[in-house]
Amino acid sequence: MYTTRDTIEDRRSTMDCNAVKAGLRVKTIRLEGIEGMLINPRHLTVRREGVTGTVKEWAPGHGGDVWFVQHDNSEEIGAYCFTELEPE
């Protein structure tokens, strides 16, 4: 899991992992690999760059913490790392 400000900036995200909470409006940015994410595949196949949505919940320890984002105008809920999110 990435927790230092230097690491976050290196990965082109300004999101602080402690700032991601249920109800937060976000936009997805550059997606990274999903290796190590032990999540139901239905949440991995719907991951998209550039979508907006609302953080619904999180799951700790699945190859790093994973946040579930309900995509706007869709029934899809994608699983994302905090480094793939920006506050909207």
N, C-alpha and C. Protein backbone atom coordinates (compact mmCIF):
# COMPACT_ATOMS: atom_id res chain seq x y z
N MET A 1 0.85 -1.18 0.00
CA MET A 1 0.00 0.00 0.00
C MET A 1 0.89 1.23 0.00
N TYR A 2 0.47 2.27 -0.71
CA TYR A 2 1.24 3.50 -0.80
C TYR A 2 0.68 4.49 0.20
N THR A 3 1.57 5.05 1.03
CA THR A 3 1.07 5.95 2.05
C THR A 3 1.82 7.27 2.10
N THR A 4 2.98 7.39 1.51
CA THR A 4 3.74 8.63 1.62
C THR A 4 3.36 9.59 0.52
N ARG A 5 3.46 10.88 0.79
CA ARG A 5 3.14 11.92 -0.20
C ARG A 5 4.04 11.76 -1.42
N ASP A 6 5.33 11.45 -1.25
CA ASP A 6 6.23 11.28 -2.39
C ASP A 6 5.73 10.18 -3.33
N THR A 7 5.32 9.08 -2.77
CA THR A 7 4.84 7.97 -3.59
C THR A 7 3.57 8.36 -4.33
N ILE A 8 2.66 9.05 -3.66
CA ILE A 8 1.42 9.47 -4.30
C ILE A 8 1.74 10.38 -5.49
N GLU A 9 2.61 11.36 -5.31
CA GLU A 9 2.95 12.28 -6.39
C GLU A 9 3.63 11.55 -7.53
N ASP A 10 4.49 10.59 -7.21
CA ASP A 10 5.16 9.82 -8.25
C ASP A 10 4.17 9.06 -9.12
N ARG A 11 3.04 8.71 -8.58
CA ARG A 11 2.04 7.92 -9.31
C ARG A 11 0.97 8.82 -9.92
N ARG A 12 1.20 10.12 -9.95
CA ARG A 12 0.32 11.12 -10.58
C ARG A 12 -1.04 11.25 -9.92
N SER A 13 -1.12 11.00 -8.67
CA SER A 13 -2.38 11.16 -7.95
C SER A 13 -2.14 12.11 -6.79
N THR A 14 -3.12 12.96 -6.52
CA THR A 14 -3.02 13.84 -5.37
C THR A 14 -3.89 13.34 -4.23
N MET A 15 -4.53 12.22 -4.44
CA MET A 15 -5.43 11.67 -3.42
C MET A 15 -4.62 11.10 -2.26
N ASP A 16 -4.99 11.50 -1.06
CA ASP A 16 -4.41 10.95 0.17
C ASP A 16 -5.26 9.73 0.53
N CYS A 17 -4.61 8.60 0.78
CA CYS A 17 -5.38 7.38 1.06
C CYS A 17 -6.30 7.54 2.26
N ASN A 18 -5.96 8.40 3.21
CA ASN A 18 -6.80 8.61 4.38
C ASN A 18 -8.00 9.51 4.08
N ALA A 19 -8.01 10.15 2.92
CA ALA A 19 -9.11 11.05 2.55
C ALA A 19 -10.24 10.32 1.82
N VAL A 20 -9.99 9.09 1.39
CA VAL A 20 -11.02 8.36 0.65
C VAL A 20 -12.01 7.76 1.65
N LYS A 21 -13.25 8.20 1.54
CA LYS A 21 -14.30 7.77 2.47
C LYS A 21 -15.58 7.50 1.68
N ALA A 22 -16.45 6.70 2.25
CA ALA A 22 -17.76 6.47 1.63
C ALA A 22 -18.46 7.80 1.44
N GLY A 23 -19.06 7.97 0.26
CA GLY A 23 -19.77 9.20 -0.06
C GLY A 23 -18.95 10.22 -0.82
N LEU A 24 -17.64 10.02 -0.90
CA LEU A 24 -16.77 10.96 -1.61
C LEU A 24 -17.00 10.86 -3.11
N ARG A 25 -17.15 12.00 -3.76
CA ARG A 25 -17.27 12.05 -5.21
C ARG A 25 -15.87 12.02 -5.81
N VAL A 26 -15.66 11.14 -6.78
CA VAL A 26 -14.33 10.97 -7.37
C VAL A 26 -14.41 10.85 -8.89
N LYS A 27 -13.26 11.03 -9.52
CA LYS A 27 -13.08 10.73 -10.94
C LYS A 27 -11.92 9.76 -11.03
N THR A 28 -12.07 8.73 -11.84
CA THR A 28 -10.98 7.77 -12.00
C THR A 28 -9.95 8.34 -12.96
N ILE A 29 -8.68 8.06 -12.69
CA ILE A 29 -7.59 8.51 -13.55
C ILE A 29 -6.87 7.29 -14.08
N ARG A 30 -5.63 7.44 -14.44
CA ARG A 30 -4.82 6.36 -15.05
C ARG A 30 -4.93 5.08 -14.23
N LEU A 31 -5.43 4.03 -14.87
CA LEU A 31 -5.59 2.75 -14.18
C LEU A 31 -4.27 2.00 -14.13
N GLU A 32 -4.09 1.26 -13.06
CA GLU A 32 -2.89 0.45 -12.86
C GLU A 32 -3.28 -1.02 -12.95
N GLY A 33 -2.32 -1.88 -12.75
CA GLY A 33 -2.58 -3.32 -12.81
C GLY A 33 -3.50 -3.78 -11.70
N ILE A 34 -4.15 -4.91 -11.94
CA ILE A 34 -5.05 -5.47 -10.93
C ILE A 34 -4.49 -6.73 -10.31
N GLU A 35 -3.22 -7.03 -10.62
CA GLU A 35 -2.58 -8.20 -10.02
C GLU A 35 -2.63 -8.06 -8.51
N GLY A 36 -3.02 -9.09 -7.85
CA GLY A 36 -3.06 -9.09 -6.40
C GLY A 36 -4.38 -8.62 -5.82
N MET A 37 -5.27 -8.05 -6.64
CA MET A 37 -6.58 -7.65 -6.13
C MET A 37 -7.45 -8.90 -6.02
N LEU A 38 -7.75 -9.29 -4.81
CA LEU A 38 -8.55 -10.48 -4.57
C LEU A 38 -10.01 -10.05 -4.42
N ILE A 39 -10.59 -9.65 -5.53
CA ILE A 39 -11.93 -9.07 -5.57
C ILE A 39 -12.76 -9.83 -6.60
N ASN A 40 -14.06 -9.89 -6.40
CA ASN A 40 -14.94 -10.52 -7.36
C ASN A 40 -14.70 -9.92 -8.74
N PRO A 41 -14.51 -10.74 -9.77
CA PRO A 41 -14.20 -10.24 -11.12
C PRO A 41 -15.21 -9.24 -11.66
N ARG A 42 -16.46 -9.28 -11.21
CA ARG A 42 -17.44 -8.32 -11.74
C ARG A 42 -17.07 -6.88 -11.40
N HIS A 43 -16.30 -6.68 -10.33
CA HIS A 43 -15.87 -5.33 -9.95
C HIS A 43 -14.58 -4.93 -10.67
N LEU A 44 -13.89 -5.90 -11.25
CA LEU A 44 -12.65 -5.61 -11.97
C LEU A 44 -12.91 -5.37 -13.45
N THR A 45 -13.86 -6.09 -14.04
CA THR A 45 -14.11 -5.95 -15.47
C THR A 45 -14.78 -4.63 -15.84
N VAL A 46 -15.35 -3.92 -14.88
CA VAL A 46 -16.03 -2.65 -15.16
C VAL A 46 -15.16 -1.43 -14.88
N ARG A 47 -13.92 -1.65 -14.48
CA ARG A 47 -13.02 -0.52 -14.21
C ARG A 47 -12.82 0.30 -15.49
N ARG A 48 -12.90 1.62 -15.36
CA ARG A 48 -12.76 2.52 -16.50
C ARG A 48 -11.97 3.76 -16.08
N GLU A 49 -11.17 4.29 -17.00
CA GLU A 49 -10.52 5.59 -16.79
C GLU A 49 -11.49 6.70 -17.13
N GLY A 50 -11.40 7.78 -16.37
CA GLY A 50 -12.15 8.98 -16.71
C GLY A 50 -13.62 9.00 -16.34
N VAL A 51 -14.07 8.04 -15.55
CA VAL A 51 -15.47 8.06 -15.12
C VAL A 51 -15.60 8.75 -13.77
N THR A 52 -16.76 9.31 -13.52
CA THR A 52 -17.04 9.90 -12.22
C THR A 52 -17.97 8.97 -11.46
N GLY A 53 -17.94 9.11 -10.16
CA GLY A 53 -18.79 8.26 -9.34
C GLY A 53 -18.65 8.58 -7.87
N THR A 54 -19.24 7.74 -7.05
CA THR A 54 -19.25 7.92 -5.61
C THR A 54 -18.66 6.70 -4.93
N VAL A 55 -17.74 6.93 -4.00
CA VAL A 55 -17.16 5.84 -3.23
C VAL A 55 -18.25 5.26 -2.34
N LYS A 56 -18.45 3.94 -2.42
CA LYS A 56 -19.48 3.27 -1.63
C LYS A 56 -18.92 2.61 -0.38
N GLU A 57 -17.79 1.92 -0.53
CA GLU A 57 -17.19 1.20 0.60
C GLU A 57 -15.77 0.81 0.24
N TRP A 58 -15.08 0.19 1.18
CA TRP A 58 -13.71 -0.24 0.92
C TRP A 58 -13.47 -1.61 1.53
N ALA A 59 -12.44 -2.26 1.01
CA ALA A 59 -12.04 -3.57 1.52
C ALA A 59 -10.53 -3.51 1.79
N PRO A 60 -10.13 -3.67 3.03
CA PRO A 60 -8.71 -3.62 3.36
C PRO A 60 -7.99 -4.92 3.01
N GLY A 61 -6.72 -4.79 2.67
CA GLY A 61 -5.84 -5.94 2.57
C GLY A 61 -5.99 -6.85 1.37
N HIS A 62 -6.55 -6.39 0.29
CA HIS A 62 -6.71 -7.22 -0.91
C HIS A 62 -5.63 -6.86 -1.92
N GLY A 63 -4.38 -7.08 -1.56
CA GLY A 63 -3.28 -6.62 -2.40
C GLY A 63 -3.11 -5.11 -2.23
N GLY A 64 -3.55 -4.61 -1.11
CA GLY A 64 -3.65 -3.17 -0.82
C GLY A 64 -5.13 -2.86 -0.64
N ASP A 65 -5.44 -1.73 -0.02
CA ASP A 65 -6.84 -1.38 0.18
C ASP A 65 -7.51 -1.13 -1.17
N VAL A 66 -8.76 -1.52 -1.28
CA VAL A 66 -9.54 -1.37 -2.51
C VAL A 66 -10.81 -0.60 -2.16
N TRP A 67 -11.11 0.41 -2.99
CA TRP A 67 -12.32 1.20 -2.82
C TRP A 67 -13.29 0.86 -3.93
N PHE A 68 -14.57 0.74 -3.58
CA PHE A 68 -15.61 0.43 -4.55
C PHE A 68 -16.32 1.72 -4.93
N VAL A 69 -16.33 2.01 -6.23
CA VAL A 69 -16.92 3.25 -6.75
C VAL A 69 -18.13 2.92 -7.61
N GLN A 70 -19.29 3.48 -7.22
CA GLN A 70 -20.50 3.38 -8.04
C GLN A 70 -20.37 4.39 -9.16
N HIS A 71 -20.28 3.90 -10.41
CA HIS A 71 -20.15 4.79 -11.55
C HIS A 71 -21.44 5.57 -11.76
N ASP A 72 -21.31 6.86 -12.11
CA ASP A 72 -22.48 7.68 -12.41
C ASP A 72 -23.23 7.11 -13.60
N ASN A 73 -24.54 7.24 -13.57
CA ASN A 73 -25.42 6.82 -14.67
C ASN A 73 -25.22 5.36 -15.06
N SER A 74 -24.95 4.53 -14.07
CA SER A 74 -24.67 3.12 -14.34
C SER A 74 -24.96 2.30 -13.09
N GLU A 75 -25.19 1.03 -13.29
CA GLU A 75 -25.32 0.10 -12.18
C GLU A 75 -23.96 -0.47 -11.78
N GLU A 76 -22.92 -0.15 -12.56
CA GLU A 76 -21.60 -0.73 -12.34
C GLU A 76 -20.93 -0.17 -11.09
N ILE A 77 -20.26 -1.08 -10.39
CA ILE A 77 -19.43 -0.70 -9.24
C ILE A 77 -18.05 -1.27 -9.49
N GLY A 78 -17.08 -0.39 -9.69
CA GLY A 78 -15.71 -0.81 -9.97
C GLY A 78 -14.84 -0.77 -8.73
N ALA A 79 -13.82 -1.61 -8.72
CA ALA A 79 -12.86 -1.66 -7.62
C ALA A 79 -11.61 -0.89 -8.04
N TYR A 80 -11.15 0.05 -7.19
CA TYR A 80 -10.02 0.91 -7.52
C TYR A 80 -9.09 1.07 -6.32
N CYS A 81 -7.83 1.31 -6.63
CA CYS A 81 -6.84 1.71 -5.63
C CYS A 81 -6.93 3.23 -5.48
N PHE A 82 -6.58 3.78 -4.33
CA PHE A 82 -6.68 5.22 -4.14
C PHE A 82 -5.82 6.01 -5.12
N THR A 83 -4.77 5.39 -5.64
CA THR A 83 -3.89 6.10 -6.59
C THR A 83 -4.54 6.21 -7.96
N GLU A 84 -5.69 5.59 -8.15
CA GLU A 84 -6.43 5.68 -9.40
C GLU A 84 -7.60 6.67 -9.30
N LEU A 85 -7.69 7.38 -8.19
CA LEU A 85 -8.81 8.28 -7.94
C LEU A 85 -8.34 9.70 -7.71
N GLU A 86 -9.18 10.65 -8.10
CA GLU A 86 -9.00 12.07 -7.82
C GLU A 86 -10.31 12.59 -7.25
N PRO A 87 -10.26 13.50 -6.28
CA PRO A 87 -11.53 14.08 -5.81
C PRO A 87 -12.17 14.88 -6.93
N GLU A 88 -13.48 14.80 -7.03
CA GLU A 88 -14.18 15.53 -8.10
C GLU A 88 -14.50 16.93 -7.63
